[in-house]
PDB file of N, CA and C in Angstrom:
ATOM      1  N   MET A   1      16.191  -7.302  34.922  1.00  0.00           N
ATOM      2  CA  MET A   1      16.276  -5.928  34.530  1.00  0.00           C
ATOM      3  C   MET A   1      16.298  -5.077  35.793  1.00  0.00           C
ATOM      4  N   ILE A   2      17.171  -4.099  35.814  1.00  0.00           N
ATOM      5  CA  ILE A   2      17.308  -3.215  36.971  1.00  0.00           C
ATOM      6  C   ILE A   2      16.930  -1.806  36.543  1.00  0.00           C
ATOM      7  N   HIS A   3      16.072  -1.190  37.357  1.00  0.00           N
ATOM      8  CA  HIS A   3      15.671   0.201  37.121  1.00  0.00           C
ATOM      9  C   HIS A   3      16.176   1.042  38.275  1.00  0.00           C
ATOM     10  N   TYR A   4      16.898   2.089  37.967  1.00  0.00           N
ATOM     11  CA  TYR A   4      17.354   3.016  38.982  1.00  0.00           C
ATOM     12  C   TYR A   4      16.475   4.254  38.895  1.00  0.00           C
ATOM     13  N   VAL A   5      15.712   4.508  39.955  1.00  0.00           N
ATOM     14  CA  VAL A   5      14.822   5.663  39.979  1.00  0.00           C
ATOM     15  C   VAL A   5      14.959   6.374  41.322  1.00  0.00           C
ATOM     16  N   ALA A   6      14.597   7.638  41.331  1.00  0.00           N
ATOM     17  CA  ALA A   6      14.674   8.434  42.559  1.00  0.00           C
ATOM     18  C   ALA A   6      13.321   8.478  43.255  1.00  0.00           C
ATOM     19  N   LEU A   7      12.591   7.378  43.199  1.00  0.00           N
ATOM     20  CA  LEU A   7      11.287   7.276  43.835  1.00  0.00           C
ATOM     21  C   LEU A   7      11.293   6.108  44.806  1.00  0.00           C
ATOM     22  N   PRO A   8      10.438   6.155  45.817  1.00  0.00           N
ATOM     23  CA  PRO A   8      10.310   4.981  46.688  1.00  0.00           C
ATOM     24  C   PRO A   8       9.771   3.789  45.904  1.00  0.00           C
ATOM     25  N   ILE A   9      10.212   2.601  46.276  1.00  0.00           N
ATOM     26  CA  ILE A   9       9.812   1.385  45.562  1.00  0.00           C
ATOM     27  C   ILE A   9       8.299   1.193  45.581  1.00  0.00           C
ATOM     28  N   GLU A  10       7.627   1.673  46.614  1.00  0.00           N
ATOM     29  CA  GLU A  10       6.174   1.542  46.711  1.00  0.00           C
ATOM     30  C   GLU A  10       5.478   2.273  45.567  1.00  0.00           C
ATOM     31  N   LEU A  11       6.007   3.415  45.173  1.00  0.00           N
ATOM     32  CA  LEU A  11       5.404   4.159  44.058  1.00  0.00           C
ATOM     33  C   LEU A  11       5.710   3.506  42.714  1.00  0.00           C
ATOM     34  N   VAL A  12       6.853   2.890  42.599  1.00  0.00           N
ATOM     35  CA  VAL A  12       7.248   2.276  41.340  1.00  0.00           C
ATOM     36  C   VAL A  12       6.400   1.038  41.049  1.00  0.00           C
ATOM     37  N   VAL A  13       6.159   0.212  42.064  1.00  0.00           N
ATOM     38  CA  VAL A  13       5.425  -1.038  41.850  1.00  0.00           C
ATOM     39  C   VAL A  13       3.942  -0.916  42.146  1.00  0.00           C
ATOM     40  N   GLU A  14       3.481   0.284  42.431  1.00  0.00           N
ATOM     41  CA  GLU A  14       2.058   0.494  42.696  1.00  0.00           C
ATOM     42  C   GLU A  14       1.241   0.141  41.448  1.00  0.00           C
ATOM     43  N   ASN A  15       0.166  -0.598  41.630  1.00  0.00           N
ATOM     44  CA  ASN A  15      -0.740  -1.025  40.556  1.00  0.00           C
ATOM     45  C   ASN A  15      -0.092  -1.984  39.568  1.00  0.00           C
ATOM     46  N   MET A  16       1.062  -2.530  39.900  1.00  0.00           N
ATOM     47  CA  MET A  16       1.717  -3.449  38.991  1.00  0.00           C
ATOM     48  C   MET A  16       0.993  -4.791  38.912  1.00  0.00           C
ATOM     49  N   ASP A  17       0.228  -5.129  39.950  1.00  0.00           N
ATOM     50  CA  ASP A  17      -0.471  -6.413  39.969  1.00  0.00           C
ATOM     51  C   ASP A  17      -1.820  -6.362  39.284  1.00  0.00           C
ATOM     52  N   LYS A  18      -2.267  -5.182  38.903  1.00  0.00           N
ATOM     53  CA  LYS A  18      -3.558  -5.056  38.243  1.00  0.00           C
ATOM     54  C   LYS A  18      -3.426  -5.412  36.769  1.00  0.00           C
ATOM     55  N   THR A  19      -4.205  -6.378  36.332  1.00  0.00           N
ATOM     56  CA  THR A  19      -4.211  -6.781  34.922  1.00  0.00           C
ATOM     57  C   THR A  19      -5.620  -6.594  34.383  1.00  0.00           C
ATOM     58  N   ASP A  20      -5.979  -5.376  34.183  1.00  0.00           N
ATOM     59  CA  ASP A  20      -7.318  -5.025  33.742  1.00  0.00           C
ATOM     60  C   ASP A  20      -7.289  -4.599  32.275  1.00  0.00           C
ATOM     61  N   TYR A  21      -6.652  -5.437  31.445  1.00  0.00           N
ATOM     62  CA  TYR A  21      -6.503  -5.106  30.041  1.00  0.00           C
ATOM     63  C   TYR A  21      -7.676  -5.652  29.239  1.00  0.00           C
ATOM     64  N   ASN A  22      -7.969  -4.979  28.158  1.00  0.00           N
ATOM     65  CA  ASN A  22      -9.070  -5.372  27.298  1.00  0.00           C
ATOM     66  C   ASN A  22      -8.533  -5.601  25.883  1.00  0.00           C
ATOM     67  N   PHE A  23      -7.524  -6.479  25.748  1.00  0.00           N
ATOM     68  CA  PHE A  23      -6.905  -6.749  24.463  1.00  0.00           C
ATOM     69  C   PHE A  23      -7.667  -7.827  23.712  1.00  0.00           C
ATOM     70  N   ILE A  24      -7.639  -7.730  22.376  1.00  0.00           N
ATOM     71  CA  ILE A  24      -8.182  -8.798  21.539  1.00  0.00           C
ATOM     72  C   ILE A  24      -7.148  -9.124  20.467  1.00  0.00           C
ATOM     73  N   GLU A  25      -7.228 -10.334  19.946  1.00  0.00           N
ATOM     74  CA  GLU A  25      -6.365 -10.750  18.848  1.00  0.00           C
ATOM     75  C   GLU A  25      -7.198 -10.758  17.576  1.00  0.00           C
ATOM     76  N   VAL A  26      -6.719 -10.041  16.565  1.00  0.00           N
ATOM     77  CA  VAL A  26      -7.417  -9.974  15.276  1.00  0.00           C
ATOM     78  C   VAL A  26      -6.438 -10.314  14.159  1.00  0.00           C
ATOM     79  N   GLU A  27      -6.981 -10.647  13.009  1.00  0.00           N
ATOM     80  CA  GLU A  27      -6.164 -10.887  11.833  1.00  0.00           C
ATOM     81  C   GLU A  27      -6.675  -9.989  10.712  1.00  0.00           C
ATOM     82  N   ILE A  28      -5.789  -9.141  10.218  1.00  0.00           N
ATOM     83  CA  ILE A  28      -6.121  -8.204   9.146  1.00  0.00           C
ATOM     84  C   ILE A  28      -5.093  -8.402   8.035  1.00  0.00           C
ATOM     85  N   ASP A  29      -5.563  -8.628   6.818  1.00  0.00           N
ATOM     86  CA  ASP A  29      -4.696  -8.869   5.655  1.00  0.00           C
ATOM     87  C   ASP A  29      -3.690  -9.984   5.924  1.00  0.00           C
ATOM     88  N   GLY A  30      -4.099 -10.995   6.677  1.00  0.00           N
ATOM     89  CA  GLY A  30      -3.235 -12.127   6.966  1.00  0.00           C
ATOM     90  C   GLY A  30      -2.217 -11.886   8.059  1.00  0.00           C
ATOM     91  N   ILE A  31      -2.288 -10.734   8.740  1.00  0.00           N
ATOM     92  CA  ILE A  31      -1.350 -10.397   9.808  1.00  0.00           C
ATOM     93  C   ILE A  31      -2.087 -10.432  11.140  1.00  0.00           C
ATOM     94  N   LYS A  32      -1.631 -11.276  12.062  1.00  0.00           N
ATOM     95  CA  LYS A  32      -2.236 -11.311  13.386  1.00  0.00           C
ATOM     96  C   LYS A  32      -1.663 -10.184  14.226  1.00  0.00           C
ATOM     97  N   MET A  33      -2.520  -9.569  15.020  1.00  0.00           N
ATOM     98  CA  MET A  33      -2.073  -8.495  15.904  1.00  0.00           C
ATOM     99  C   MET A  33      -2.939  -8.430  17.147  1.00  0.00           C
ATOM    100  N   ILE A  34      -2.377  -7.880  18.195  1.00  0.00           N
ATOM    101  CA  ILE A  34      -3.085  -7.639  19.445  1.00  0.00           C
ATOM    102  C   ILE A  34      -3.508  -6.179  19.438  1.00  0.00           C
ATOM    103  N   MET A  35      -4.783  -5.943  19.745  1.00  0.00           N
ATOM    104  CA  MET A  35      -5.308  -4.575  19.716  1.00  0.00           C
ATOM    105  C   MET A  35      -6.045  -4.268  21.013  1.00  0.00           C
ATOM    106  N   GLU A  36      -6.109  -2.979  21.348  1.00  0.00           N
ATOM    107  CA  GLU A  36      -6.866  -2.534  22.511  1.00  0.00           C
ATOM    108  C   GLU A  36      -7.845  -1.446  22.085  1.00  0.00           C
ATOM    109  N   PRO A  37      -9.029  -1.417  22.688  1.00  0.00           N
ATOM    110  CA  PRO A  37     -10.012  -0.390  22.308  1.00  0.00           C
ATOM    111  C   PRO A  37      -9.629   0.968  22.881  1.00  0.00           C
ATOM    112  N   ILE A  38      -9.890   1.995  22.093  1.00  0.00           N
ATOM    113  CA  ILE A  38      -9.675   3.365  22.554  1.00  0.00           C
ATOM    114  C   ILE A  38     -11.022   4.028  22.790  1.00  0.00           C
ATOM    115  N   GLU A  39     -11.850   3.995  21.783  1.00  0.00           N
ATOM    116  CA  GLU A  39     -13.214   4.499  21.880  1.00  0.00           C
ATOM    117  C   GLU A  39     -14.053   3.725  20.872  1.00  0.00           C
ATOM    118  N   PHE A  40     -15.263   4.124  20.645  1.00  0.00           N
ATOM    119  CA  PHE A  40     -16.171   3.404  19.769  1.00  0.00           C
ATOM    120  C   PHE A  40     -15.561   3.232  18.384  1.00  0.00           C
ATOM    121  N   ASN A  41     -15.349   1.973  17.974  1.00  0.00           N
ATOM    122  CA  ASN A  41     -14.821   1.588  16.659  1.00  0.00           C
ATOM    123  C   ASN A  41     -13.392   2.063  16.388  1.00  0.00           C
ATOM    124  N   LYS A  42     -12.662   2.502  17.403  1.00  0.00           N
ATOM    125  CA  LYS A  42     -11.255   2.885  17.232  1.00  0.00           C
ATOM    126  C   LYS A  42     -10.406   1.968  18.094  1.00  0.00           C
ATOM    127  N   TRP A  43      -9.401   1.360  17.460  1.00  0.00           N
ATOM    128  CA  TRP A  43      -8.549   0.384  18.126  1.00  0.00           C
ATOM    129  C   TRP A  43      -7.090   0.737  17.887  1.00  0.00           C
ATOM    130  N   ARG A  44      -6.254   0.555  18.904  1.00  0.00           N
ATOM    131  CA  ARG A  44      -4.815   0.798  18.806  1.00  0.00           C
ATOM    132  C   ARG A  44      -4.088  -0.543  18.700  1.00  0.00           C
ATOM    133  N   ILE A  45      -3.154  -0.625  17.780  1.00  0.00           N
ATOM    134  CA  ILE A  45      -2.343  -1.829  17.639  1.00  0.00           C
ATOM    135  C   ILE A  45      -1.319  -1.852  18.764  1.00  0.00           C
ATOM    136  N   VAL A  46      -1.320  -2.944  19.522  1.00  0.00           N
ATOM    137  CA  VAL A  46      -0.386  -3.099  20.620  1.00  0.00           C
ATOM    138  C   VAL A  46       0.819  -3.937  20.190  1.00  0.00           C
ATOM    139  N   ARG A  47       0.561  -4.999  19.428  1.00  0.00           N
ATOM    140  CA  ARG A  47       1.624  -5.928  19.070  1.00  0.00           C
ATOM    141  C   ARG A  47       1.290  -6.612  17.751  1.00  0.00           C
ATOM    142  N   VAL A  48       2.300  -6.798  16.915  1.00  0.00           N
ATOM    143  CA  VAL A  48       2.162  -7.549  15.674  1.00  0.00           C
ATOM    144  C   VAL A  48       2.728  -8.946  15.916  1.00  0.00           C
ATOM    145  N   ILE A  49       1.958  -9.966  15.533  1.00  0.00           N
ATOM    146  CA  ILE A  49       2.373 -11.355  15.706  1.00  0.00           C
ATOM    147  C   ILE A  49       2.530 -11.964  14.320  1.00  0.00           C
ATOM    148  N   SER A  50       3.764 -12.193  13.897  1.00  0.00           N
ATOM    149  CA  SER A  50       4.004 -12.722  12.566  1.00  0.00           C
ATOM    150  C   SER A  50       5.400 -13.328  12.496  1.00  0.00           C
ATOM    151  N   SER A  51       5.573 -14.246  11.575  1.00  0.00           N
ATOM    152  CA  SER A  51       6.904 -14.788  11.316  1.00  0.00           C
ATOM    153  C   SER A  51       7.511 -14.164  10.055  1.00  0.00           C
ATOM    154  N   ASN A  52       6.740 -13.310   9.398  1.00  0.00           N
ATOM    155  CA  ASN A  52       7.200 -12.633   8.190  1.00  0.00           C
ATOM    156  C   ASN A  52       7.807 -11.281   8.577  1.00  0.00           C
ATOM    157  N   PRO A  53       9.100 -11.057   8.345  1.00  0.00           N
ATOM    158  CA  PRO A  53       9.713  -9.788   8.749  1.00  0.00           C
ATOM    159  C   PRO A  53       9.130  -8.569   8.034  1.00  0.00           C
ATOM    160  N   TYR A  54       8.557  -8.755   6.856  1.00  0.00           N
ATOM    161  CA  TYR A  54       7.967  -7.624   6.138  1.00  0.00           C
ATOM    162  C   TYR A  54       6.708  -7.097   6.822  1.00  0.00           C
ATOM    163  N   ASP A  55       6.046  -7.935   7.616  1.00  0.00           N
ATOM    164  CA  ASP A  55       4.865  -7.474   8.345  1.00  0.00           C
ATOM    165  C   ASP A  55       5.224  -6.448   9.411  1.00  0.00           C
ATOM    166  N   PHE A  56       6.437  -6.519   9.938  1.00  0.00           N
ATOM    167  CA  PHE A  56       6.847  -5.599  10.994  1.00  0.00           C
ATOM    168  C   PHE A  56       7.256  -4.231  10.467  1.00  0.00           C
ATOM    169  N   VAL A  57       7.578  -4.134   9.192  1.00  0.00           N
ATOM    170  CA  VAL A  57       7.960  -2.846   8.607  1.00  0.00           C
ATOM    171  C   VAL A  57       6.836  -2.226   7.788  1.00  0.00           C
ATOM    172  N   ASN A  58       5.675  -2.859   7.764  1.00  0.00           N
ATOM    173  CA  ASN A  58       4.515  -2.308   7.068  1.00  0.00           C
ATOM    174  C   ASN A  58       4.010  -1.097   7.849  1.00  0.00           C
ATOM    175  N   PRO A  59       4.055   0.107   7.270  1.00  0.00           N
ATOM    176  CA  PRO A  59       3.664   1.308   8.017  1.00  0.00           C
ATOM    177  C   PRO A  59       2.182   1.350   8.391  1.00  0.00           C
ATOM    178  N   LEU A  60       1.345   0.561   7.718  1.00  0.00           N
ATOM    179  CA  LEU A  60      -0.078   0.557   8.050  1.00  0.00           C
ATOM    180  C   LEU A  60      -0.363  -0.166   9.356  1.00  0.00           C
ATOM    181  N   TYR A  61       0.489  -1.117   9.730  1.00  0.00           N
ATOM    182  CA  TYR A  61       0.215  -1.961  10.883  1.00  0.00           C
ATOM    183  C   TYR A  61       1.336  -1.914  11.918  1.00  0.00           C
ATOM    184  N   GLN A  62       1.821  -0.733  12.208  1.00  0.00           N
ATOM    185  CA  GLN A  62       2.837  -0.564  13.238  1.00  0.00           C
ATOM    186  C   GLN A  62       2.172  -0.422  14.604  1.00  0.00           C
ATOM    187  N   PRO A  63       2.794  -0.947  15.669  1.00  0.00           N
ATOM    188  CA  PRO A  63       2.244  -0.716  17.011  1.00  0.00           C
ATOM    189  C   PRO A  63       2.085   0.777  17.286  1.00  0.00           C
ATOM    190  N   GLY A  64       0.952   1.128  17.848  1.00  0.00           N
ATOM    191  CA  GLY A  64       0.622   2.530  18.100  1.00  0.00           C
ATOM    192  C   GLY A  64      -0.332   3.111  17.081  1.00  0.00           C
ATOM    193  N   GLN A  65      -0.418   2.480  15.906  1.00  0.00           N
ATOM    194  CA  GLN A  65      -1.365   2.948  14.884  1.00  0.00           C
ATOM    195  C   GLN A  65      -2.790   2.756  15.373  1.00  0.00           C
ATOM    196  N   ILE A  66      -3.658   3.681  15.006  1.00  0.00           N
ATOM    197  CA  ILE A  66      -5.072   3.601  15.378  1.00  0.00           C
ATOM    198  C   ILE A  66      -5.876   3.282  14.121  1.00  0.00           C
ATOM    199  N   LEU A  67      -6.691   2.206  14.231  1.00  0.00           N
ATOM    200  CA  LEU A  67      -7.510   1.769  13.107  1.00  0.00           C
ATOM    201  C   LEU A  67      -8.989   1.880  13.465  1.00  0.00           C
ATOM    202  N   ASN A  68      -9.807   2.164  12.474  1.00  0.00           N
ATOM    203  CA  ASN A  68     -11.255   2.147  12.651  1.00  0.00           C
ATOM    204  C   ASN A  68     -11.757   0.754  12.288  1.00  0.00           C
ATOM    205  N   LEU A  69     -12.225   0.011  13.271  1.00  0.00           N
ATOM    206  CA  LEU A  69     -12.684  -1.352  13.073  1.00  0.00           C
ATOM    207  C   LEU A  69     -14.031  -1.553  13.736  1.00  0.00           C
ATOM    208  N   TYR A  70     -14.818  -2.397  13.137  1.00  0.00           N
ATOM    209  CA  TYR A  70     -16.057  -2.852  13.773  1.00  0.00           C
ATOM    210  C   TYR A  70     -15.828  -4.285  14.218  1.00  0.00           C
ATOM    211  N   VAL A  71     -15.812  -4.508  15.521  1.00  0.00           N
ATOM    212  CA  VAL A  71     -15.567  -5.830  16.081  1.00  0.00           C
ATOM    213  C   VAL A  71     -16.836  -6.332  16.722  1.00  0.00           C
ATOM    214  N   LYS A  72     -17.245  -7.557  16.368  1.00  0.00           N
ATOM    215  CA  LYS A  72     -18.464  -8.131  16.936  1.00  0.00           C
ATOM    216  C   LYS A  72     -18.193  -8.717  18.291  1.00  0.00           C
TER     217      LYS A  72
END
Protein backbone atom coordinates (compact mmCIF):
# COMPACT_ATOMS: atom_id res chain seq x y z
CA MET A 1 0.00 0.00 0.00
CA ILE A 2 1.33 3.43 -0.93
CA HIS A 3 0.36 6.61 0.90
CA TYR A 4 1.08 9.97 -0.66
CA VAL A 5 1.21 12.68 1.99
CA ALA A 6 2.69 16.16 2.24
CA LEU A 7 4.42 15.35 5.53
CA PRO A 8 7.92 14.13 6.32
CA ILE A 9 8.11 10.35 6.64
CA GLU A 10 9.27 10.73 10.26
CA LEU A 11 5.92 12.24 11.22
CA VAL A 12 3.94 9.62 9.33
CA VAL A 13 5.62 6.60 10.96
CA GLU A 14 6.02 8.18 14.39
CA ASN A 15 4.64 5.89 17.14
CA MET A 16 3.90 3.19 14.58
CA ASP A 17 5.92 0.65 16.58
CA LYS A 18 3.95 1.18 19.77
CA THR A 19 1.45 -1.60 20.39
CA ASP A 20 -0.14 -0.50 23.62
CA TYR A 21 -3.62 -1.81 22.88
CA ASN A 22 -6.01 -3.12 25.48
CA PHE A 23 -8.28 -5.29 23.30
CA ILE A 24 -10.28 -8.27 24.52
CA GLU A 25 -12.21 -10.94 22.65
CA VAL A 26 -15.79 -11.49 23.82
CA GLU A 27 -18.76 -13.47 22.58
CA ILE A 28 -22.20 -11.87 22.75
CA ASP A 29 -25.30 -13.63 21.36
CA GLY A 30 -23.02 -16.17 19.69
CA ILE A 31 -21.01 -13.48 17.85
CA LYS A 32 -17.31 -13.15 18.61
CA MET A 33 -15.91 -9.64 18.55
CA ILE A 34 -12.84 -7.67 19.54
CA MET A 35 -13.54 -4.80 21.92
CA GLU A 36 -11.56 -2.00 23.54
CA PRO A 37 -12.36 -0.20 26.80
CA ILE A 38 -13.42 3.42 26.67
CA GLU A 39 -14.31 4.09 30.28
CA PHE A 40 -15.80 2.20 33.21
CA ASN A 41 -18.15 -0.51 31.83
CA LYS A 42 -18.20 1.07 28.33
CA TRP A 43 -16.61 -0.84 25.47
CA ARG A 44 -16.25 -0.05 21.75
CA ILE A 45 -16.55 -2.80 19.16
CA VAL A 46 -13.39 -2.88 17.08
CA ARG A 47 -13.95 -5.98 14.94
CA VAL A 48 -16.61 -8.64 14.38
CA ILE A 49 -15.29 -12.19 13.96
CA SER A 50 -17.83 -14.47 12.32
CA SER A 51 -18.41 -16.71 9.33
CA ASN A 52 -22.10 -15.74 9.22
CA PRO A 53 -22.64 -12.77 6.86
CA TYR A 54 -25.76 -11.71 8.78
CA ASP A 55 -23.62 -10.96 11.84
CA PHE A 56 -21.85 -8.20 9.91
CA VAL A 57 -25.08 -6.38 9.00
CA ASN A 58 -26.57 -6.57 12.50
CA PRO A 59 -26.88 -2.89 13.54
CA LEU A 60 -26.45 -3.75 17.23
CA TYR A 61 -22.94 -5.13 16.74
CA GLN A 62 -21.31 -2.89 14.15
CA PRO A 63 -17.69 -1.76 14.66
CA GLY A 64 -17.72 1.58 16.44
CA GLN A 65 -20.80 0.78 18.51
CA ILE A 66 -20.42 1.39 22.24
CA LEU A 67 -21.83 -1.22 24.61
CA ASN A 68 -22.25 -1.19 28.38
CA LEU A 69 -20.60 -4.40 29.60
CA TYR A 70 -19.30 -5.72 32.87
CA VAL A 71 -16.13 -7.70 32.17
CA LYS A 72 -14.43 -9.69 34.91
